Protein backbone atom coordinates (compact mmCIF):
# COMPACT_ATOMS: atom_id res chain seq x y z
CA MET A 1 -20.93 -14.33 -19.01
CA SER A 2 -24.54 -13.38 -18.51
CA ASP A 3 -26.55 -11.22 -20.94
CA SER A 4 -26.62 -8.36 -18.41
CA VAL A 5 -22.78 -8.30 -18.21
CA ASN A 6 -22.51 -8.42 -22.04
CA GLN A 7 -24.85 -5.43 -22.19
CA GLN A 8 -22.71 -3.56 -19.76
CA GLN A 9 -19.55 -4.22 -21.78
CA ASN A 10 -21.17 -3.08 -24.96
CA ASP A 11 -22.66 0.13 -23.44
CA SER A 12 -19.93 2.70 -24.11
CA SER A 13 -21.45 5.39 -21.84
CA TYR A 14 -22.11 3.04 -18.90
CA LYS A 15 -18.51 1.78 -18.62
CA TRP A 16 -17.07 5.23 -17.97
CA PHE A 17 -19.80 6.25 -15.54
CA ALA A 18 -19.14 3.01 -13.67
CA LEU A 19 -15.39 3.74 -13.59
CA MET A 20 -16.07 7.20 -12.22
CA ALA A 21 -18.14 5.71 -9.40
CA ILE A 22 -15.61 3.06 -8.57
CA ILE A 23 -12.67 5.57 -8.57
CA SER A 24 -14.55 7.89 -6.18
CA GLY A 25 -15.08 5.06 -3.67
CA THR A 26 -11.51 3.86 -3.89
CA PHE A 27 -9.96 7.31 -3.58
CA VAL A 28 -11.81 8.31 -0.41
CA ALA A 29 -10.95 5.08 1.36
CA VAL A 30 -7.21 5.08 0.46
CA LEU A 31 -6.79 8.86 1.07
CA ASN A 32 -8.36 8.71 4.52
CA ASN A 33 -5.93 6.01 5.61
CA SER A 34 -2.92 7.89 4.29
CA LEU A 35 -3.81 11.12 6.11
CA LEU A 36 -3.14 9.63 9.47
CA ASN A 37 0.56 8.76 9.21
CA VAL A 38 1.80 12.30 10.01
CA ALA A 39 -1.06 12.87 12.47
CA LEU A 40 0.03 10.28 15.04
CA PRO A 41 2.30 12.51 17.24
CA GLN A 42 -0.55 15.12 17.59
CA LEU A 43 -3.15 12.45 18.34
CA VAL A 44 -0.85 11.10 21.03
CA ASN A 45 -0.79 14.50 22.68
CA VAL A 46 -4.52 15.12 22.23
CA PHE A 47 -5.56 11.99 24.02
CA GLY A 48 -2.58 11.77 26.45
CA SER A 49 -1.86 8.36 25.02
CA THR A 50 1.30 6.57 23.85
CA THR A 51 2.70 6.04 20.37
CA ASP A 52 2.39 2.25 20.70
CA THR A 53 -1.31 2.53 21.60
CA MET A 54 -2.09 5.17 18.94
CA GLN A 55 -0.40 2.99 16.22
CA TRP A 56 -3.57 0.85 16.46
CA ILE A 57 -5.56 3.46 14.53
CA LEU A 58 -3.43 2.26 11.56
CA THR A 59 -2.95 -1.40 12.63
CA GLY A 60 -6.60 -1.92 13.54
CA TYR A 61 -7.77 -0.58 10.20
CA MET A 62 -5.26 -2.75 8.34
CA LEU A 63 -6.21 -5.89 10.21
CA ALA A 64 -9.98 -5.32 9.82
CA SER A 65 -9.52 -4.63 6.09
CA ALA A 66 -7.38 -7.72 5.53
CA VAL A 67 -9.64 -10.27 7.22
CA VAL A 68 -12.72 -9.28 5.26
CA ILE A 69 -11.14 -9.23 1.78
CA PRO A 70 -11.29 -13.04 1.27
CA MET A 71 -15.09 -12.95 1.91
CA SER A 72 -15.82 -10.46 -0.85
CA PRO A 73 -16.31 -12.90 -3.81
CA ALA A 74 -18.78 -15.13 -1.88
CA LEU A 75 -20.71 -12.12 -0.46
CA CYS A 76 -20.87 -10.51 -3.92
CA ASP A 77 -22.13 -13.70 -5.48
CA MET A 78 -24.86 -13.97 -2.73
CA PHE A 79 -26.03 -10.28 -2.67
CA GLY A 80 -24.65 -8.67 -5.86
CA TYR A 81 -21.52 -6.60 -6.38
CA LYS A 82 -23.31 -3.29 -6.37
CA LYS A 83 -25.10 -3.94 -3.09
CA VAL A 84 -21.84 -5.05 -1.34
CA PHE A 85 -19.96 -2.01 -2.69
CA LEU A 86 -22.70 0.44 -1.43
CA VAL A 87 -22.86 -1.20 2.03
CA SER A 88 -19.09 -1.07 2.33
CA LEU A 89 -19.00 2.60 1.40
CA ALA A 90 -21.71 3.31 3.86
CA ALA A 91 -19.93 1.43 6.66
CA PHE A 92 -16.65 3.26 5.89
CA THR A 93 -18.41 6.65 5.87
CA VAL A 94 -20.21 6.02 9.16
CA GLY A 95 -16.99 4.79 10.71
CA SER A 96 -15.22 7.97 9.57
CA ALA A 97 -17.89 10.14 11.03
CA LEU A 98 -17.65 8.24 14.42
CA CYS A 99 -13.86 8.66 14.35
CA GLY A 100 -14.38 12.42 14.05
CA ILE A 101 -16.35 12.55 17.35
CA ALA A 102 -14.07 10.15 19.23
CA TRP A 103 -13.51 11.09 22.85
CA SER A 104 -10.63 8.77 23.73
CA ASP A 105 -7.91 6.73 22.18
CA SER A 106 -9.88 3.49 22.78
CA SER A 107 -13.02 4.90 21.03
CA LEU A 108 -11.01 6.19 18.06
CA ILE A 109 -9.28 2.76 17.66
CA PHE A 110 -12.69 1.01 17.84
CA PHE A 111 -14.25 3.34 15.24
CA ARG A 112 -11.20 2.86 12.93
CA ILE A 113 -11.80 -0.87 13.03
CA VAL A 114 -15.43 -0.25 12.04
CA SER A 115 -14.18 1.80 9.09
CA GLY A 116 -11.71 -0.96 8.10
CA LEU A 117 -14.48 -3.64 8.07
CA GLY A 118 -16.22 -1.55 5.41
CA GLY A 119 -13.16 -0.17 3.70
CA GLY A 120 -11.65 -3.62 3.14
CA PHE A 121 -14.32 -4.53 0.58
CA ILE A 122 -14.00 -1.32 -1.47
CA MET A 123 -10.86 -2.12 -3.42
CA PRO A 124 -11.37 -5.78 -4.34
CA VAL A 125 -15.04 -5.33 -5.10
CA GLY A 126 -14.37 -2.17 -7.11
CA MET A 127 -11.73 -3.92 -9.16
CA ALA A 128 -14.03 -6.83 -9.89
CA MET A 129 -16.84 -4.52 -10.96
CA LEU A 130 -14.37 -2.65 -13.17
CA TYR A 131 -13.55 -5.92 -15.00
CA ALA A 132 -17.30 -6.65 -15.37
CA SER A 133 -17.94 -3.19 -16.81
CA ILE A 134 -15.01 -2.63 -19.14
CA PRO A 135 -14.22 -4.64 -22.25
CA ARG A 136 -10.93 -6.55 -22.07
CA ASN A 137 -9.31 -4.56 -24.88
CA GLU A 138 -9.81 -1.34 -22.83
CA ILE A 139 -8.99 -2.67 -19.37
CA GLY A 140 -5.50 -1.26 -19.35
CA LEU A 141 -6.68 2.36 -19.69
CA ALA A 142 -9.46 1.77 -17.07
CA MET A 143 -6.95 0.20 -14.65
CA GLY A 144 -4.60 3.13 -15.18
CA LEU A 145 -7.32 5.61 -14.30
CA TRP A 146 -8.40 3.52 -11.35
CA GLY A 147 -4.74 3.36 -10.24
CA ILE A 148 -4.67 7.12 -9.84
CA ALA A 149 -6.96 6.64 -6.74
CA ALA A 150 -5.21 3.52 -5.50
CA MET A 151 -1.62 4.76 -5.71
CA VAL A 152 -1.61 8.58 -5.76
CA ALA A 153 -3.79 9.03 -2.64
CA PRO A 154 -1.04 7.78 -0.26
CA ALA A 155 1.41 10.23 -1.90
CA ILE A 156 -0.78 13.42 -1.48
CA GLY A 157 -2.07 12.32 1.93
CA PRO A 158 0.95 13.76 4.01
CA THR A 159 0.65 17.23 2.29
CA LEU A 160 -3.15 17.50 2.94
CA SER A 161 -2.78 16.14 6.42
CA GLY A 162 0.02 18.59 7.34
CA TYR A 163 -2.07 21.48 6.06
CA ILE A 164 -5.12 20.39 8.11
CA LEU A 165 -3.13 19.87 11.26
CA GLU A 166 -1.47 23.22 10.88
CA HIS A 167 -4.65 25.25 10.22
CA PHE A 168 -7.62 23.22 11.46
CA SER A 169 -8.63 20.51 14.00
CA TRP A 170 -7.42 16.87 13.72
CA ARG A 171 -11.15 15.93 13.58
CA LEU A 172 -11.32 17.28 10.00
CA LEU A 173 -9.07 14.40 8.93
CA PHE A 174 -12.05 12.17 9.46
CA PHE A 175 -14.97 14.50 8.90
CA MET A 176 -13.72 15.44 5.37
CA SER A 177 -14.39 11.80 4.31
CA VAL A 178 -18.02 11.99 5.18
CA PRO A 179 -19.39 14.27 2.40
CA VAL A 180 -17.05 12.62 -0.18
CA GLY A 181 -18.26 9.22 0.99
CA ILE A 182 -21.90 10.29 0.79
CA ALA A 183 -21.37 11.70 -2.70
CA SER A 184 -19.64 8.39 -3.79
CA ILE A 185 -22.63 6.41 -2.42
CA PHE A 186 -25.14 8.43 -4.39
CA LEU A 187 -22.90 8.32 -7.49
CA SER A 188 -22.49 4.56 -7.22
CA ALA A 189 -26.17 4.00 -6.50
CA SER A 190 -27.20 5.91 -9.61
CA MET A 191 -24.51 4.83 -12.05
CA LEU A 192 -23.66 1.19 -11.22
CA ARG A 193 -25.71 -1.69 -12.36
CA GLU A 194 -26.36 -4.71 -10.18
CA THR A 195 -24.73 -8.02 -11.16
CA PRO A 196 -26.68 -11.32 -11.12
CA THR A 197 -26.72 -13.14 -7.83
CA LYS A 198 -25.97 -16.79 -7.32
CA LYS A 199 -27.00 -19.41 -4.77
CA VAL A 200 -23.80 -19.89 -2.81
CA LYS A 201 -23.22 -21.92 0.32
CA PHE A 202 -21.05 -19.66 2.51
CA ASP A 203 -17.76 -21.26 3.57
CA TYR A 204 -17.80 -20.59 7.32
CA ALA A 205 -14.75 -22.78 8.03
CA GLY A 206 -12.70 -20.95 5.40
CA ALA A 207 -13.89 -17.53 6.73
CA ILE A 208 -12.83 -18.35 10.31
CA LEU A 209 -9.48 -19.69 9.27
CA SER A 210 -8.75 -16.82 6.92
CA ILE A 211 -9.58 -14.27 9.68
CA ILE A 212 -7.22 -16.07 12.06
CA ALA A 213 -4.46 -16.59 9.52
CA PHE A 214 -4.28 -13.17 7.96
CA GLY A 215 -5.16 -11.35 11.16
CA THR A 216 -2.36 -12.96 13.21
CA LEU A 217 0.18 -12.73 10.34
CA LEU A 218 -0.32 -9.01 9.74
CA LEU A 219 -0.44 -8.28 13.48
CA ALA A 220 2.88 -10.06 13.92
CA LEU A 221 4.43 -8.17 10.99
CA SER A 222 3.26 -4.76 12.23
CA LYS A 223 4.29 -5.33 15.85
CA GLY A 224 7.48 -7.38 15.30
CA GLN A 225 9.91 -4.44 15.42
CA SER A 226 8.38 -2.86 18.62
CA GLU A 227 7.77 -6.12 20.55
CA GLY A 228 10.90 -7.95 19.33
CA TRP A 229 10.87 -10.64 16.64
CA THR A 230 11.92 -13.31 19.22
CA SER A 231 9.40 -12.28 21.87
CA LEU A 232 6.88 -14.88 23.02
CA PHE A 233 4.03 -12.64 21.66
CA ILE A 234 5.41 -12.42 18.14
CA VAL A 235 6.54 -16.10 17.96
CA SER A 236 3.11 -17.21 19.18
CA LEU A 237 1.38 -15.04 16.54
CA LEU A 238 3.57 -16.49 13.77
CA PHE A 239 2.94 -20.03 14.95
CA VAL A 240 -0.82 -19.46 14.93
CA ALA A 241 -0.58 -17.75 11.54
CA VAL A 242 1.38 -20.58 9.94
CA SER A 243 -0.78 -23.27 11.48
CA SER A 244 -4.05 -21.71 10.49
CA MET A 245 -2.75 -20.92 6.97
CA ALA A 246 -1.82 -24.61 6.55
CA MET A 247 -5.33 -25.61 7.74
CA LEU A 248 -6.89 -23.03 5.40
CA ILE A 249 -5.09 -24.50 2.37
CA TYR A 250 -6.11 -27.98 3.39
CA VAL A 251 -9.77 -26.98 3.91
CA GLU A 252 -10.08 -24.91 0.78
CA THR A 253 -8.35 -27.31 -1.64
CA GLY A 254 -10.83 -29.37 -3.60
CA LYS A 255 -13.87 -27.64 -2.13
CA GLU A 256 -16.70 -27.08 -4.60
CA GLN A 257 -17.40 -23.49 -3.43
CA PRO A 258 -14.29 -22.32 -1.49
CA LEU A 259 -14.03 -18.96 0.16
CA MET A 260 -10.62 -18.49 -1.46
CA ASP A 261 -10.22 -20.14 -4.84
CA LEU A 262 -6.61 -21.29 -4.41
CA SER A 263 -6.76 -23.21 -7.68
CA LEU A 264 -6.16 -19.88 -9.39
CA PHE A 265 -2.53 -20.22 -8.48
CA LYS A 266 -2.29 -23.14 -10.90
CA ASN A 267 -2.55 -20.38 -13.58
CA LEU A 268 1.12 -19.52 -14.02
CA GLN A 269 0.44 -16.13 -15.48
CA PHE A 270 -1.88 -15.19 -12.60
CA SER A 271 0.71 -16.45 -10.06
CA MET A 272 3.59 -14.59 -11.58
CA GLY A 273 1.59 -11.41 -12.11
CA THR A 274 0.46 -11.49 -8.47
CA LEU A 275 3.98 -12.16 -7.23
CA ALA A 276 5.44 -9.38 -9.38
CA SER A 277 2.94 -6.84 -8.17
CA GLY A 278 3.56 -7.89 -4.56
CA LEU A 279 7.36 -7.39 -4.91
CA VAL A 280 6.87 -4.05 -6.54
CA MET A 281 4.67 -2.99 -3.56
CA VAL A 282 7.63 -3.83 -1.24
CA GLY A 283 9.97 -1.65 -3.31
CA MET A 284 7.43 1.15 -3.64
CA TYR A 285 6.55 1.25 0.03
CA GLY A 286 10.27 1.41 0.79
CA GLY A 287 10.24 4.90 -0.75
CA VAL A 288 6.92 5.88 0.67
CA PHE A 289 8.11 4.78 4.19
CA LEU A 290 11.70 5.97 4.17
CA THR A 291 11.54 9.35 2.41
CA PRO A 292 9.36 11.17 4.97
CA LEU A 293 11.58 9.83 7.82
CA TYR A 294 14.66 11.22 6.08
CA LEU A 295 13.09 14.60 5.30
CA GLN A 296 11.55 15.18 8.84
CA ASN A 297 14.12 13.52 11.12
CA ILE A 298 17.34 14.40 9.20
CA GLN A 299 16.55 17.60 7.27
CA GLY A 300 14.08 18.96 9.77
CA LEU A 301 11.15 19.56 7.42
CA THR A 302 7.64 19.88 8.74
CA PRO A 303 4.96 17.42 7.65
CA MET A 304 3.51 19.98 5.31
CA GLU A 305 6.95 20.75 3.76
CA THR A 306 7.56 17.10 3.40
CA GLY A 307 4.20 16.60 1.64
CA LEU A 308 4.92 19.50 -0.78
CA LEU A 309 8.27 18.01 -1.67
CA LEU A 310 6.65 14.62 -2.38
CA MET A 311 3.82 16.19 -4.37
CA PRO A 312 5.61 16.23 -7.81
CA GLN A 313 6.19 12.46 -7.54
CA SER A 314 2.48 11.90 -7.03
CA ILE A 315 1.68 14.14 -9.97
CA ALA A 316 4.12 12.18 -12.13
CA MET A 317 2.40 8.90 -11.16
CA ALA A 318 -1.02 10.43 -11.79
CA LEU A 319 -0.01 11.54 -15.31
CA MET A 320 1.63 8.28 -16.25
CA MET A 321 -0.86 5.70 -15.00
CA PRO A 322 -3.63 6.26 -17.60
CA ILE A 323 -0.93 6.65 -20.33
CA SER A 324 0.60 3.33 -19.30
CA GLY A 325 -2.85 1.65 -19.30
CA LYS A 326 -3.46 2.79 -22.84
CA LEU A 327 0.01 1.63 -23.88
CA MET A 328 -0.56 -1.73 -22.23
CA ASP A 329 -3.74 -2.28 -24.31
CA LYS A 330 -1.52 -1.71 -27.41
CA PHE A 331 1.81 -3.26 -26.58
CA GLY A 332 1.19 -5.61 -23.64
CA VAL A 333 2.73 -5.92 -20.18
CA VAL A 334 6.29 -6.92 -21.01
CA PRO A 335 7.65 -3.72 -22.64
CA LEU A 336 6.10 -1.45 -20.08
CA GLY A 337 7.19 -3.67 -17.18
CA LEU A 338 10.77 -3.86 -18.44
CA VAL A 339 11.11 -0.10 -18.81
CA GLY A 340 9.24 0.78 -15.63
CA LEU A 341 10.96 -1.79 -13.40
CA THR A 342 14.41 -0.93 -14.69
CA VAL A 343 14.03 2.88 -14.15
CA MET A 344 12.27 2.29 -10.80
CA GLY A 345 15.07 -0.04 -9.61
CA VAL A 346 17.86 2.33 -10.72
CA SER A 347 16.21 5.38 -9.19
CA THR A 348 15.67 3.52 -5.91
CA TYR A 349 19.33 2.51 -5.95
CA GLU A 350 20.29 6.13 -6.49
CA LEU A 351 18.46 7.00 -3.26
CA SER A 352 20.99 4.84 -1.38
CA THR A 353 23.53 7.68 -1.96
CA LEU A 354 21.60 10.04 0.34
CA THR A 355 23.60 12.09 2.83
CA ALA A 356 22.57 14.48 5.59
CA ASP A 357 22.99 17.47 3.30
CA THR A 358 21.66 16.03 0.02
CA PRO A 359 20.02 18.93 -1.91
CA ASN A 360 16.24 18.72 -2.00
CA GLU A 361 16.33 19.58 -5.75
CA TRP A 362 18.38 16.43 -6.51
CA LEU A 363 16.01 14.30 -4.38
CA ASN A 364 12.98 15.79 -6.08
CA HIS A 365 14.28 14.94 -9.51
CA ILE A 366 14.99 11.35 -8.46
CA LEU A 367 11.54 10.95 -6.88
CA ILE A 368 9.79 12.35 -10.07
CA ILE A 369 11.65 9.84 -12.22
CA ARG A 370 10.72 7.09 -9.72
CA GLY A 371 7.10 8.21 -9.80
CA LEU A 372 6.99 8.04 -13.59
CA ALA A 373 8.45 4.53 -13.44
CA ILE A 374 5.88 3.39 -10.81
CA GLY A 375 3.12 4.84 -13.06
CA ILE A 376 4.49 2.88 -16.01
CA CYS A 377 4.75 -0.53 -14.39
CA MET A 378 2.47 -0.80 -11.43
CA MET A 379 -0.92 -1.00 -13.05
CA PRO A 380 0.14 -3.28 -15.94
CA LEU A 381 1.64 -5.75 -13.37
CA THR A 382 -1.45 -5.59 -11.08
CA SER A 383 -3.81 -6.27 -13.98
CA ALA A 384 -1.65 -8.81 -15.80
CA GLY A 385 -2.60 -11.68 -13.41
CA THR A 386 -6.29 -10.81 -13.31
CA ASN A 387 -6.44 -10.63 -17.07
CA ALA A 388 -5.24 -14.18 -17.30
CA VAL A 389 -8.24 -15.71 -15.47
CA GLU A 390 -11.71 -16.49 -16.74
CA PRO A 391 -14.21 -13.66 -16.48
CA GLN A 392 -16.36 -15.50 -13.97
CA LYS A 393 -13.30 -15.87 -11.64
CA VAL A 394 -12.24 -12.18 -11.75
CA GLY A 395 -13.82 -11.51 -8.33
CA SER A 396 -11.85 -14.34 -6.62
CA ALA A 397 -8.68 -13.29 -8.46
CA SER A 398 -9.08 -9.71 -7.34
CA SER A 399 -9.62 -10.81 -3.73
CA LEU A 400 -6.52 -13.09 -3.73
CA GLY A 401 -4.39 -10.41 -5.41
CA ASN A 402 -5.42 -7.73 -2.90
CA VAL A 403 -4.79 -9.98 0.13
CA PHE A 404 -1.34 -10.90 -1.25
CA ARG A 405 -0.38 -7.28 -1.87
CA GLN A 406 -1.49 -6.21 1.53
CA VAL A 407 0.52 -8.95 3.18
CA MET A 408 3.53 -8.08 1.05
CA SER A 409 3.22 -4.38 1.89
CA SER A 410 3.06 -5.12 5.61
CA LEU A 411 5.97 -7.59 5.32
CA GLY A 412 7.98 -5.03 3.33
CA ILE A 413 7.46 -2.28 5.91
CA ALA A 414 8.33 -4.70 8.79
CA LEU A 415 11.50 -5.94 7.10
CA LEU A 416 12.60 -2.44 6.01
CA THR A 417 12.02 -1.08 9.51
CA MET A 418 14.11 -3.82 11.06
CA MET A 419 16.81 -3.34 8.48
CA MET A 420 16.89 0.46 9.00
CA SER A 421 17.18 -0.03 12.77
CA THR A 422 19.89 -2.73 12.47
CA ARG A 423 22.04 -0.77 10.00
CA SER A 424 21.70 2.43 11.95
CA THR A 425 22.94 0.65 15.01
CA PHE A 426 25.79 -0.94 13.11
CA HIS A 427 27.01 2.39 11.66
CA GLY A 428 26.61 4.09 15.08
CA VAL A 429 28.86 1.46 16.74
CA ARG A 430 31.51 1.69 14.00
CA MET A 431 31.63 5.51 14.09
CA SER A 432 31.73 5.51 17.90
CA GLU A 433 34.76 3.20 17.70
CA ASN A 434 36.54 5.34 15.14
CA LEU A 435 35.65 8.62 16.89
CA SER A 436 36.25 7.65 20.47
CA LEU A 437 37.60 10.27 22.93
CA ASP A 438 40.95 8.42 22.90
CA SER A 439 41.36 8.86 19.12
CA LEU A 440 43.09 11.94 17.59
CA GLN A 441 39.99 13.00 15.67
CA GLY A 442 37.74 12.70 18.70
CA THR A 443 40.15 14.71 20.84
CA GLN A 444 40.49 17.46 18.28
CA PHE A 445 36.70 17.71 17.75
CA VAL A 446 35.95 17.90 21.54
CA THR A 447 38.72 20.39 22.05
CA MET A 448 37.43 22.68 19.26
CA LEU A 449 33.86 22.58 20.50
CA SER A 450 34.94 23.08 24.15
CA GLY A 451 36.79 26.21 23.11
CA LEU A 452 33.62 27.59 21.41
CA TYR A 453 31.57 26.76 24.51
CA GLY A 454 34.32 28.47 26.69
CA GLN A 455 33.89 31.68 24.76
CA SER A 456 30.41 32.00 26.13
CA GLY A 457 31.70 32.02 29.70
CA VAL A 458 30.93 28.55 30.88
CA ASP A 459 33.43 26.44 32.89
CA ALA A 460 35.65 23.83 31.36
CA ALA A 461 33.61 20.79 32.62
CA THR A 462 30.41 22.15 31.16
CA SER A 463 32.12 23.01 27.89
CA LYS A 464 33.45 19.49 27.56
CA ALA A 465 30.10 17.90 28.37
CA GLY A 466 28.34 20.08 25.79
CA ALA A 467 30.89 19.15 23.19
CA MET A 468 30.45 15.44 23.93
CA MET A 469 26.69 15.79 23.60
CA ILE A 470 27.06 17.45 20.19
CA LEU A 471 29.45 14.75 19.02
CA GLY A 472 27.06 12.03 20.11
CA GLY A 473 24.18 13.77 18.30
CA LEU A 474 26.17 14.02 15.11
CA ILE A 475 27.08 10.36 15.29
CA GLN A 476 23.46 9.40 15.90
CA LYS A 477 22.27 11.55 12.94
CA GLU A 478 24.88 10.25 10.54
CA SER A 479 24.27 6.65 11.54
CA PHE A 480 20.56 7.11 10.86
CA VAL A 481 21.25 8.62 7.44
CA ARG A 482 23.43 5.68 6.53
CA GLY A 483 20.86 3.21 7.81
CA ILE A 484 18.23 4.82 5.62
CA ALA A 485 20.60 4.74 2.63
CA ASP A 486 21.36 1.04 3.18
CA THR A 487 17.64 0.28 3.42
CA PHE A 488 17.00 2.10 0.14
CA LEU A 489 19.64 -0.13 -1.47
CA ILE A 490 17.92 -3.26 -0.10
CA SER A 491 14.46 -1.99 -1.23
CA ALA A 492 15.73 -1.96 -4.81
CA VAL A 493 16.38 -5.73 -4.72
CA PRO A 494 12.69 -6.94 -4.95
CA ILE A 495 12.12 -4.43 -7.87
CA PHE A 496 14.97 -6.02 -9.93
CA LEU A 497 13.73 -9.50 -8.99
CA CYS A 498 10.49 -8.74 -10.83
CA ILE A 499 12.20 -8.37 -14.21
CA PRO A 500 12.75 -12.15 -14.84
CA LEU A 501 9.06 -12.71 -13.99
CA LEU A 502 8.12 -10.68 -17.02
CA TYR A 503 8.94 -13.72 -19.15
CA PHE A 504 5.83 -15.46 -17.84
CA LEU A 505 3.59 -12.48 -18.59
CA ARG A 506 4.11 -12.48 -22.37
CA LYS A 507 0.97 -12.10 -24.38
CA LYS A 508 0.19 -15.37 -26.12
CA LYS A 509 -0.48 -15.28 -29.80
CA ALA A 510 -4.21 -15.57 -30.53
CA VAL A 511 -5.28 -18.63 -32.53
CA LYS A 512 -7.43 -17.67 -35.51
CA THR A 513 -10.88 -19.31 -35.29
CA PRO A 514 -13.38 -19.65 -38.10
CA PRO A 515 -16.27 -17.26 -37.77
CA LYS A 516 -18.77 -20.08 -37.11
CA GLU A 517 -16.73 -21.50 -34.31
CA VAL A 518 -16.21 -18.06 -32.80
CA GLU A 519 -19.97 -17.52 -32.69
CA VAL A 520 -20.36 -20.93 -30.96
CA ALA A 521 -17.67 -20.08 -28.47
CA ASP A 522 -19.28 -16.78 -27.63
CA THR A 523 -22.66 -18.38 -27.12
CA ALA A 524 -21.13 -20.95 -24.84
CA GLU A 525 -19.38 -18.25 -22.80
CA ALA A 526 -22.60 -16.22 -22.52
CA ALA A 527 -24.49 -19.29 -21.33
CA SER A 528 -21.90 -19.83 -18.51
């Protein structure tokens, strides 16, 4: 590494100021995106739009973020990590301000894409700067603190969003990011140090192919359920994605200065660490995605009540992440990963026992335990792969890891949505067959409800129609609960699949080197 980077790592005061600046930028970007999930119905009504159209404020941001992530290492080498980080924060802040003054659904979607183009750089560039600023023996604690912003913001987003929608205007969802973004820009500008630049030939072919490949893949995954997985639109997108991905691998392999350094996957520890963190993201997003659906659609909670119920889980994650980072520096990835993945998998499996009248207290306890488990294992697994690469390749490793986790998150949500819909339909058909009007149970139920309706003075035909509507609603509600429970069971599978991968993340025993050779090795590393 260069002398300036060595100076940064040895400066104990700088490293924590740098971490503070990086965390502030990451938090505002992730929180802003998580605020909008529960706001979609209100935004549909405000603009007189449709749910499918308004979904693009999430999809457009995700696509814009994903397609720029692979470019971050090259741009950072050309212009410096600090400059790219500041520009990305500025673009995200300006995009958020424009979203707050949007006058139509089309303008809001366009401004969200602008925000995504800036926000996509924040996390990979921030992670790379973190590795350049923090000594390797303290990286676990730093990643744990950074993980508070990356993982807890989506958990507290629904609570804050529900409160804002209930008491203020929807525009505040975007405007509140502006002062925080400006403060983060000034904090980063004053506290971060610029990294040395390099003369890099930008890989235009790789950039174009990566935009096409990841853009079409994520679009297909996000729209597959609504459009139909066998529709011409989705099949065409998947064909373009696979073809362009194959061309991207062909173009990037063997190139001297590739946009995406795919040779990193030859490092077994990096590959296994990246795969493990991606699988955990699938399992984690299963809970993040399914729990609000269950609480709002089945138990009738408001968005704010749902957020308040999920809040203890986020606090548990926040408390455990820096602790797990410190423990990782001392004990390594494997013990923490084994404990965290086991508890996370078992608690996710327990959620498959949900019923329509499951007490919120029981659910809260399970979610808190699950949050502690996520806090224990997520950051160690995320940093395990990056720790295994050479310091000068950390930027490329961070970019590859973030792209992979974003694709896995989208894939997980798409598959879990499809599974929930399929299993709900399956249970609905089975219950309809067993509770048909010709069956004894169905007849008794309709007769009982018809009698209750008759007491209010309505005629027999109206009473029977009302009873049948109630029976249909109960079947639909119960089938949805069982579909969610089955999906929770399936979302536990990728978590358990991560456990065997821990074998490849074992810390190798350091070979003792004579002092003179160590000095020569350090000098050679500094020269590189």
